[in-house]
PDB file of N, CA and C in Angstrom:
ATOM      1  N   MET A   1      45.442 193.118 107.729  1.00  0.00           N
ATOM      2  CA  MET A   1      46.372 194.215 107.854  1.00  0.00           C
ATOM      3  C   MET A   1      47.788 193.660 107.759  1.00  0.00           C
ATOM      4  N   GLY A   2      48.693 194.486 107.390  1.00  0.00           N
ATOM      5  CA  GLY A   2      50.068 194.050 107.221  1.00  0.00           C
ATOM      6  C   GLY A   2      50.424 193.959 105.755  1.00  0.00           C
ATOM      7  N   VAL A   3      51.690 193.754 105.485  1.00  0.00           N
ATOM      8  CA  VAL A   3      52.189 193.650 104.119  1.00  0.00           C
ATOM      9  C   VAL A   3      52.273 192.170 103.764  1.00  0.00           C
ATOM     10  N   ILE A   4      51.646 191.782 102.650  1.00  0.00           N
ATOM     11  CA  ILE A   4      51.611 190.393 102.207  1.00  0.00           C
ATOM     12  C   ILE A   4      52.201 190.328 100.802  1.00  0.00           C
ATOM     13  N   ASP A   5      53.081 189.341 100.587  1.00  0.00           N
ATOM     14  CA  ASP A   5      53.623 189.085  99.253  1.00  0.00           C
ATOM     15  C   ASP A   5      52.602 188.298  98.447  1.00  0.00           C
ATOM     16  N   LEU A   6      52.367 188.730  97.213  1.00  0.00           N
ATOM     17  CA  LEU A   6      51.419 188.065  96.320  1.00  0.00           C
ATOM     18  C   LEU A   6      52.179 187.433  95.163  1.00  0.00           C
ATOM     19  N   ARG A   7      52.030 186.141  95.021  1.00  0.00           N
ATOM     20  CA  ARG A   7      52.639 185.416  93.901  1.00  0.00           C
ATOM     21  C   ARG A   7      51.530 185.003  92.943  1.00  0.00           C
ATOM     22  N   THR A   8      51.719 185.253  91.671  1.00  0.00           N
ATOM     23  CA  THR A   8      50.691 184.910  90.686  1.00  0.00           C
ATOM     24  C   THR A   8      50.762 183.452  90.273  1.00  0.00           C
ATOM     25  N   GLU A   9      51.894 182.811  90.514  1.00  0.00           N
ATOM     26  CA  GLU A   9      52.044 181.392  90.193  1.00  0.00           C
ATOM     27  C   GLU A   9      51.857 180.576  91.470  1.00  0.00           C
ATOM     28  N   LYS A  10      51.253 179.416  91.322  1.00  0.00           N
ATOM     29  CA  LYS A  10      51.050 178.531  92.474  1.00  0.00           C
ATOM     30  C   LYS A  10      52.302 177.673  92.663  1.00  0.00           C
ATOM     31  N   ASP A  11      53.409 178.371  92.994  1.00  0.00           N
ATOM     32  CA  ASP A  11      54.722 177.752  93.145  1.00  0.00           C
ATOM     33  C   ASP A  11      55.453 178.513  94.249  1.00  0.00           C
ATOM     34  N   TYR A  12      55.841 177.798  95.306  1.00  0.00           N
ATOM     35  CA  TYR A  12      56.464 178.439  96.467  1.00  0.00           C
ATOM     36  C   TYR A  12      57.734 179.203  96.119  1.00  0.00           C
ATOM     37  N   SER A  13      58.452 178.775  95.088  1.00  0.00           N
ATOM     38  CA  SER A  13      59.705 179.436  94.730  1.00  0.00           C
ATOM     39  C   SER A  13      59.521 180.524  93.674  1.00  0.00           C
ATOM     40  N   SER A  14      58.285 180.772  93.265  1.00  0.00           N
ATOM     41  CA  SER A  14      58.051 181.808  92.239  1.00  0.00           C
ATOM     42  C   SER A  14      58.318 183.195  92.812  1.00  0.00           C
ATOM     43  N   ALA A  15      58.608 184.110  91.921  1.00  0.00           N
ATOM     44  CA  ALA A  15      58.911 185.485  92.321  1.00  0.00           C
ATOM     45  C   ALA A  15      57.655 186.180  92.836  1.00  0.00           C
ATOM     46  N   VAL A  16      57.868 187.079  93.776  1.00  0.00           N
ATOM     47  CA  VAL A  16      56.774 187.902  94.292  1.00  0.00           C
ATOM     48  C   VAL A  16      56.415 188.909  93.210  1.00  0.00           C
ATOM     49  N   LYS A  17      55.158 188.938  92.815  1.00  0.00           N
ATOM     50  CA  LYS A  17      54.699 189.844  91.760  1.00  0.00           C
ATOM     51  C   LYS A  17      54.270 191.195  92.337  1.00  0.00           C
ATOM     52  N   TYR A  18      53.592 191.163  93.494  1.00  0.00           N
ATOM     53  CA  TYR A  18      53.092 192.379  94.145  1.00  0.00           C
ATOM     54  C   TYR A  18      53.266 192.244  95.654  1.00  0.00           C
ATOM     55  N   ARG A  19      53.270 193.406  96.334  1.00  0.00           N
ATOM     56  CA  ARG A  19      53.221 193.448  97.802  1.00  0.00           C
ATOM     57  C   ARG A  19      52.076 194.370  98.179  1.00  0.00           C
ATOM     58  N   THR A  20      51.270 193.895  99.098  1.00  0.00           N
ATOM     59  CA  THR A  20      50.145 194.722  99.532  1.00  0.00           C
ATOM     60  C   THR A  20      50.652 195.882 100.375  1.00  0.00           C
ATOM     61  N   LEU A  21      49.839 196.892 100.478  1.00  0.00           N
ATOM     62  CA  LEU A  21      50.094 197.983 101.410  1.00  0.00           C
ATOM     63  C   LEU A  21      49.440 197.600 102.734  1.00  0.00           C
ATOM     64  N   ASN A  22      49.804 198.268 103.792  1.00  0.00           N
ATOM     65  CA  ASN A  22      49.221 197.980 105.100  1.00  0.00           C
ATOM     66  C   ASN A  22      47.863 198.680 105.182  1.00  0.00           C
ATOM     67  N   HIS A  23      46.869 198.139 104.478  1.00  0.00           N
ATOM     68  CA  HIS A  23      45.534 198.720 104.457  1.00  0.00           C
ATOM     69  C   HIS A  23      44.856 198.543 105.812  1.00  0.00           C
ATOM     70  N   GLU A  24      44.203 199.585 106.268  1.00  0.00           N
ATOM     71  CA  GLU A  24      43.504 199.505 107.548  1.00  0.00           C
ATOM     72  C   GLU A  24      42.413 198.434 107.524  1.00  0.00           C
ATOM     73  N   GLY A  25      41.753 198.286 106.397  1.00  0.00           N
ATOM     74  CA  GLY A  25      40.675 197.302 106.291  1.00  0.00           C
ATOM     75  C   GLY A  25      41.161 195.905 105.973  1.00  0.00           C
ATOM     76  N   GLY A  26      42.456 195.725 105.785  1.00  0.00           N
ATOM     77  CA  GLY A  26      42.991 194.416 105.476  1.00  0.00           C
ATOM     78  C   GLY A  26      42.787 194.030 104.027  1.00  0.00           C
ATOM     79  N   MET A  27      42.928 192.751 103.766  1.00  0.00           N
ATOM     80  CA  MET A  27      42.804 192.209 102.416  1.00  0.00           C
ATOM     81  C   MET A  27      41.650 191.209 102.440  1.00  0.00           C
ATOM     82  N   ASN A  28      40.688 191.392 101.549  1.00  0.00           N
ATOM     83  CA  ASN A  28      39.534 190.505 101.496  1.00  0.00           C
ATOM     84  C   ASN A  28      39.812 189.357 100.541  1.00  0.00           C
ATOM     85  N   VAL A  29      39.766 188.141 101.069  1.00  0.00           N
ATOM     86  CA  VAL A  29      40.054 186.961 100.262  1.00  0.00           C
ATOM     87  C   VAL A  29      39.075 185.839 100.583  1.00  0.00           C
ATOM     88  N   THR A  30      38.975 184.924  99.636  1.00  0.00           N
ATOM     89  CA  THR A  30      38.362 183.625  99.863  1.00  0.00           C
ATOM     90  C   THR A  30      39.490 182.616  99.758  1.00  0.00           C
ATOM     91  N   VAL A  31      39.636 181.772 100.768  1.00  0.00           N
ATOM     92  CA  VAL A  31      40.689 180.765 100.757  1.00  0.00           C
ATOM     93  C   VAL A  31      40.242 179.617  99.859  1.00  0.00           C
ATOM     94  N   LEU A  32      41.018 179.357  98.809  1.00  0.00           N
ATOM     95  CA  LEU A  32      40.725 178.264  97.888  1.00  0.00           C
ATOM     96  C   LEU A  32      41.376 176.971  98.364  1.00  0.00           C
ATOM     97  N   GLU A  33      42.611 177.085  98.887  1.00  0.00           N
ATOM     98  CA  GLU A  33      43.335 175.918  99.388  1.00  0.00           C
ATOM     99  C   GLU A  33      44.259 176.331 100.522  1.00  0.00           C
ATOM    100  N   ILE A  34      44.336 175.489 101.549  1.00  0.00           N
ATOM    101  CA  ILE A  34      45.362 175.610 102.583  1.00  0.00           C
ATOM    102  C   ILE A  34      46.437 174.621 102.176  1.00  0.00           C
ATOM    103  N   LEU A  35      47.628 175.110 101.867  1.00  0.00           N
ATOM    104  CA  LEU A  35      48.627 174.266 101.237  1.00  0.00           C
ATOM    105  C   LEU A  35      49.562 173.569 102.217  1.00  0.00           C
ATOM    106  N   LYS A  36      50.403 174.301 102.922  1.00  0.00           N
ATOM    107  CA  LYS A  36      51.329 173.626 103.835  1.00  0.00           C
ATOM    108  C   LYS A  36      51.851 174.608 104.873  1.00  0.00           C
ATOM    109  N   SER A  37      52.312 174.039 105.971  1.00  0.00           N
ATOM    110  CA  SER A  37      53.000 174.831 106.991  1.00  0.00           C
ATOM    111  C   SER A  37      54.446 174.991 106.552  1.00  0.00           C
ATOM    112  N   ASP A  38      55.053 176.126 106.936  1.00  0.00           N
ATOM    113  CA  ASP A  38      56.407 176.418 106.489  1.00  0.00           C
ATOM    114  C   ASP A  38      57.007 177.478 107.404  1.00  0.00           C
ATOM    115  N   VAL A  39      58.257 177.804 107.179  1.00  0.00           N
ATOM    116  CA  VAL A  39      58.940 178.904 107.860  1.00  0.00           C
ATOM    117  C   VAL A  39      59.507 179.817 106.781  1.00  0.00           C
ATOM    118  N   GLN A  40      59.155 181.091 106.830  1.00  0.00           N
ATOM    119  CA  GLN A  40      59.652 182.102 105.906  1.00  0.00           C
ATOM    120  C   GLN A  40      60.155 183.283 106.721  1.00  0.00           C
ATOM    121  N   ASN A  41      61.351 183.739 106.421  1.00  0.00           N
ATOM    122  CA  ASN A  41      61.945 184.879 107.141  1.00  0.00           C
ATOM    123  C   ASN A  41      61.892 184.668 108.653  1.00  0.00           C
ATOM    124  N   ASN A  42      62.209 183.457 109.089  1.00  0.00           N
ATOM    125  CA  ASN A  42      62.242 183.081 110.512  1.00  0.00           C
ATOM    126  C   ASN A  42      60.877 183.147 111.194  1.00  0.00           C
ATOM    127  N   GLU A  43      59.801 183.090 110.426  1.00  0.00           N
ATOM    128  CA  GLU A  43      58.457 183.088 110.993  1.00  0.00           C
ATOM    129  C   GLU A  43      57.703 181.841 110.531  1.00  0.00           C
ATOM    130  N   SER A  44      57.105 181.141 111.487  1.00  0.00           N
ATOM    131  CA  SER A  44      56.269 179.989 111.150  1.00  0.00           C
ATOM    132  C   SER A  44      54.936 180.486 110.615  1.00  0.00           C
ATOM    133  N   GLY A  45      54.390 179.735 109.667  1.00  0.00           N
ATOM    134  CA  GLY A  45      53.107 180.118 109.102  1.00  0.00           C
ATOM    135  C   GLY A  45      52.603 179.081 108.126  1.00  0.00           C
ATOM    136  N   LYS A  46      51.654 179.493 107.300  1.00  0.00           N
ATOM    137  CA  LYS A  46      51.054 178.594 106.317  1.00  0.00           C
ATOM    138  C   LYS A  46      50.959 179.273 104.958  1.00  0.00           C
ATOM    139  N   TRP A  47      51.048 178.453 103.925  1.00  0.00           N
ATOM    140  CA  TRP A  47      50.827 178.896 102.556  1.00  0.00           C
ATOM    141  C   TRP A  47      49.348 178.700 102.208  1.00  0.00           C
ATOM    142  N   PHE A  48      48.776 179.704 101.562  1.00  0.00           N
ATOM    143  CA  PHE A  48      47.385 179.654 101.131  1.00  0.00           C
ATOM    144  C   PHE A  48      47.300 180.038  99.658  1.00  0.00           C
ATOM    145  N   TYR A  49      46.386 179.414  98.953  1.00  0.00           N
ATOM    146  CA  TYR A  49      46.032 179.831  97.604  1.00  0.00           C
ATOM    147  C   TYR A  49      44.697 180.512  97.755  1.00  0.00           C
ATOM    148  N   VAL A  50      44.644 181.810  97.404  1.00  0.00           N
ATOM    149  CA  VAL A  50      43.461 182.614  97.704  1.00  0.00           C
ATOM    150  C   VAL A  50      42.922 183.312  96.459  1.00  0.00           C
ATOM    151  N   LEU A  51      41.677 183.707  96.561  1.00  0.00           N
ATOM    152  CA  LEU A  51      41.019 184.549  95.572  1.00  0.00           C
ATOM    153  C   LEU A  51      40.790 185.896  96.242  1.00  0.00           C
ATOM    154  N   VAL A  52      41.439 186.938  95.744  1.00  0.00           N
ATOM    155  CA  VAL A  52      41.247 188.286  96.283  1.00  0.00           C
ATOM    156  C   VAL A  52      39.880 188.769  95.809  1.00  0.00           C
ATOM    157  N   THR A  53      39.003 189.129  96.753  1.00  0.00           N
ATOM    158  CA  THR A  53      37.621 189.428  96.391  1.00  0.00           C
ATOM    159  C   THR A  53      37.289 190.917  96.299  1.00  0.00           C
ATOM    160  N   SER A  54      38.272 191.766  96.525  1.00  0.00           N
ATOM    161  CA  SER A  54      38.043 193.203  96.331  1.00  0.00           C
ATOM    162  C   SER A  54      39.325 193.834  95.796  1.00  0.00           C
ATOM    163  N   PRO A  55      39.198 194.920  95.058  1.00  0.00           N
ATOM    164  CA  PRO A  55      40.389 195.568  94.492  1.00  0.00           C
ATOM    165  C   PRO A  55      41.226 196.236  95.583  1.00  0.00           C
ATOM    166  N   MET A  56      42.499 196.478  95.269  1.00  0.00           N
ATOM    167  CA  MET A  56      43.377 197.142  96.235  1.00  0.00           C
ATOM    168  C   MET A  56      44.596 197.722  95.529  1.00  0.00           C
ATOM    169  N   TRP A  57      45.203 198.692  96.203  1.00  0.00           N
ATOM    170  CA  TRP A  57      46.470 199.249  95.745  1.00  0.00           C
ATOM    171  C   TRP A  57      47.593 198.370  96.267  1.00  0.00           C
ATOM    172  N   VAL A  58      48.667 198.259  95.494  1.00  0.00           N
ATOM    173  CA  VAL A  58      49.857 197.545  95.941  1.00  0.00           C
ATOM    174  C   VAL A  58      51.038 198.507  95.972  1.00  0.00           C
ATOM    175  N   ASP A  59      52.160 198.048  96.513  1.00  0.00           N
ATOM    176  CA  ASP A  59      53.273 198.953  96.812  1.00  0.00           C
ATOM    177  C   ASP A  59      53.912 199.615  95.602  1.00  0.00           C
ATOM    178  N   ASN A  60      53.743 199.057  94.404  1.00  0.00           N
ATOM    179  CA  ASN A  60      54.340 199.702  93.224  1.00  0.00           C
ATOM    180  C   ASN A  60      53.389 200.717  92.583  1.00  0.00           C
ATOM    181  N   GLY A  61      52.259 200.984  93.230  1.00  0.00           N
ATOM    182  CA  GLY A  61      51.312 201.978  92.745  1.00  0.00           C
ATOM    183  C   GLY A  61      50.244 201.413  91.821  1.00  0.00           C
ATOM    184  N   GLU A  62      50.293 200.109  91.542  1.00  0.00           N
ATOM    185  CA  GLU A  62      49.281 199.504  90.677  1.00  0.00           C
ATOM    186  C   GLU A  62      47.994 199.243  91.453  1.00  0.00           C
ATOM    187  N   TRP A  63      46.892 199.248  90.718  1.00  0.00           N
ATOM    188  CA  TRP A  63      45.572 198.927  91.240  1.00  0.00           C
ATOM    189  C   TRP A  63      45.255 197.491  90.820  1.00  0.00           C
ATOM    190  N   ILE A  64      45.144 196.590  91.794  1.00  0.00           N
ATOM    191  CA  ILE A  64      44.862 195.187  91.521  1.00  0.00           C
ATOM    192  C   ILE A  64      43.348 194.995  91.540  1.00  0.00           C
ATOM    193  N   LYS A  65      42.814 194.481  90.461  1.00  0.00           N
ATOM    194  CA  LYS A  65      41.374 194.224  90.408  1.00  0.00           C
ATOM    195  C   LYS A  65      41.025 193.021  91.268  1.00  0.00           C
ATOM    196  N   GLY A  66      39.803 192.975  91.748  1.00  0.00           N
ATOM    197  CA  GLY A  66      39.326 191.847  92.532  1.00  0.00           C
ATOM    198  C   GLY A  66      39.174 190.600  91.671  1.00  0.00           C
ATOM    199  N   TYR A  67      39.005 189.491  92.326  1.00  0.00           N
ATOM    200  CA  TYR A  67      38.768 188.179  91.714  1.00  0.00           C
ATOM    201  C   TYR A  67      39.965 187.691  90.899  1.00  0.00           C
ATOM    202  N   GLN A  68      41.142 187.861  91.507  1.00  0.00           N
ATOM    203  CA  GLN A  68      42.371 187.284  90.980  1.00  0.00           C
ATOM    204  C   GLN A  68      42.906 186.295  92.017  1.00  0.00           C
ATOM    205  N   LYS A  69      43.615 185.273  91.553  1.00  0.00           N
ATOM    206  CA  LYS A  69      44.150 184.242  92.441  1.00  0.00           C
ATOM    207  C   LYS A  69      45.625 184.500  92.709  1.00  0.00           C
ATOM    208  N   PHE A  70      46.007 184.300  93.983  1.00  0.00           N
ATOM    209  CA  PHE A  70      47.391 184.498  94.400  1.00  0.00           C
ATOM    210  C   PHE A  70      47.793 183.438  95.418  1.00  0.00           C
ATOM    211  N   LEU A  71      49.086 183.152  95.447  1.00  0.00           N
ATOM    212  CA  LEU A  71      49.685 182.319  96.478  1.00  0.00           C
ATOM    213  C   LEU A  71      50.246 183.272  97.520  1.00  0.00           C
ATOM    214  N   ILE A  72      49.894 183.059  98.794  1.00  0.00           N
ATOM    215  CA  ILE A  72      50.376 183.939  99.863  1.00  0.00           C
ATOM    216  C   ILE A  72      50.888 183.096 101.029  1.00  0.00           C
ATOM    217  N   PHE A  73      51.770 183.680 101.808  1.00  0.00           N
ATOM    218  CA  PHE A  73      52.246 183.080 103.054  1.00  0.00           C
ATOM    219  C   PHE A  73      51.783 183.974 104.184  1.00  0.00           C
ATOM    220  N   LEU A  74      51.087 183.391 105.157  1.00  0.00           N
ATOM    221  CA  LEU A  74      50.655 184.146 106.333  1.00  0.00           C
ATOM    222  C   LEU A  74      51.354 183.605 107.564  1.00  0.00           C
ATOM    223  N   PRO A  75      52.110 184.456 108.261  1.00  0.00           N
ATOM    224  CA  PRO A  75      52.719 184.023 109.520  1.00  0.00           C
ATOM    225  C   PRO A  75      51.636 183.669 110.542  1.00  0.00           C
ATOM    226  N   ASP A  76      51.973 182.755 111.442  1.00  0.00           N
ATOM    227  CA  ASP A  76      51.010 182.329 112.464  1.00  0.00           C
ATOM    228  C   ASP A  76      50.539 183.473 113.355  1.00  0.00           C
ATOM    229  N   ASN A  77      51.373 184.514 113.527  1.00  0.00           N
ATOM    230  CA  ASN A  77      50.991 185.626 114.403  1.00  0.00           C
ATOM    231  C   ASN A  77      50.227 186.736 113.673  1.00  0.00           C
ATOM    232  N   MET A  78      49.903 186.538 112.386  1.00  0.00           N
ATOM    233  CA  MET A  78      49.151 187.535 111.615  1.00  0.00           C
ATOM    234  C   MET A  78      47.674 187.482 112.030  1.00  0.00           C
ATOM    235  N   PRO A  79      47.096 188.613 112.434  1.00  0.00           N
ATOM    236  CA  PRO A  79      45.670 188.602 112.790  1.00  0.00           C
ATOM    237  C   PRO A  79      44.819 188.286 111.555  1.00  0.00           C
ATOM    238  N   VAL A  80      43.889 187.358 111.720  1.00  0.00           N
ATOM    239  CA  VAL A  80      42.977 186.975 110.643  1.00  0.00           C
ATOM    240  C   VAL A  80      41.561 187.074 111.190  1.00  0.00           C
ATOM    241  N   PHE A  81      40.709 187.749 110.446  1.00  0.00           N
ATOM    242  CA  PHE A  81      39.326 187.916 110.853  1.00  0.00           C
ATOM    243  C   PHE A  81      38.424 187.227 109.856  1.00  0.00           C
ATOM    244  N   ASP A  82      37.501 186.457 110.340  1.00  0.00           N
ATOM    245  CA  ASP A  82      36.596 185.681 109.500  1.00  0.00           C
ATOM    246  C   ASP A  82      35.269 186.415 109.373  1.00  0.00           C
ATOM    247  N   PHE A  83      35.070 187.069 108.235  1.00  0.00           N
ATOM    248  CA  PHE A  83      33.824 187.780 107.975  1.00  0.00           C
ATOM    249  C   PHE A  83      33.156 187.141 106.778  1.00  0.00           C
ATOM    250  N   GLU A  84      31.874 186.972 106.859  1.00  0.00           N
ATOM    251  CA  GLU A  84      31.112 186.471 105.709  1.00  0.00           C
ATOM    252  C   GLU A  84      29.985 187.431 105.430  1.00  0.00           C
ATOM    253  N   GLU A  85      29.707 187.645 104.157  1.00  0.00           N
ATOM    254  CA  GLU A  85      28.618 188.540 103.776  1.00  0.00           C
ATOM    255  C   GLU A  85      27.333 187.772 103.647  1.00  0.00           C
TER     256      GLU A  85
END
């Protein structure tokens, strides 16, 4: 849950391509790599390279198909739930 910036390039300084909506079900991902700890917008967290495993709407109204790779930053206080099918 929450709004997450999605970068299509695996580069910390790359532009944000999409922003997720605050979906009640959250964002389903497989973590491909845990990259580094960092501070963004005065929040400590970690950078992850992930594979989005289900489709979702983003803030510009586009429908993002599942099984795409994105670079994301998750603040340490972001709730994360570990579910496996």
